């Protein structure tokens, strides 16, 4: 399986602070990676570095064999980097439908297909972003990222602060997305157990470095690893 996303010796951070001293990571098409680690270990910085909103001190990134290191965030988005940040960043003064059509690129993920996956967005299609509940905003953020027809989908704590029933709905949808083919996904999630069943690979970060990289099923079979690195025996990885 060829690498869809390749990060090589990436050194990145903010201002003068280096958060990722030398990050190397590859992802293949169709692969779902769960990115775990305690708070402040560099998970969001890694996501932000792929998007292109951190300061890069060295190293390279490529997408489908094309070097995207020098690309601006908007260029990376058009090249195939889809991003759902913690803050969601939806356009609050645009309707649900306008949020998606404003960024849509040709491909299999159409607005109609997003509506099929999230029927409540169809019901709210004429509502403005600021009229949506937290769960609906998150669905919209994911839907908007999909209408870009990305090759890599980055989700930073997509279930944070949402009601359990909404979390279940989102995780089901993410399962559908990841099985649809053609993309790879990186999901940052505080609750390890929520995501292990969805991901096929788990990377744990500590101090901006990878300290564990294994198949998700191996972690499910040996929860001591979670306890060692995340301080949990299976519940939440805060």
Foldseek 3Di string as FASTA:
>chain_A
DDFQKWWFQWFWAADPDTQARGDTDTDHWLAEEEEEFAPSQCPVVVLCVLLPNIGTPDTWMDGRNHTCNPPHNVVSLLVFEFEQDPVRPFQQAAFLQCSQVVQADDDDQDLVVLCVLVVVCVVRRGPGLVVDDPLVSLSSSQSNSCRSVHQEYEAEASCPPHDPVSLVSVLVSLLVVSVVIRHYYYYYHQWLLSCLVRGQWYFYGGSNYTPDIGGSVVCVVPVVVCCVGQVDSHGTRD
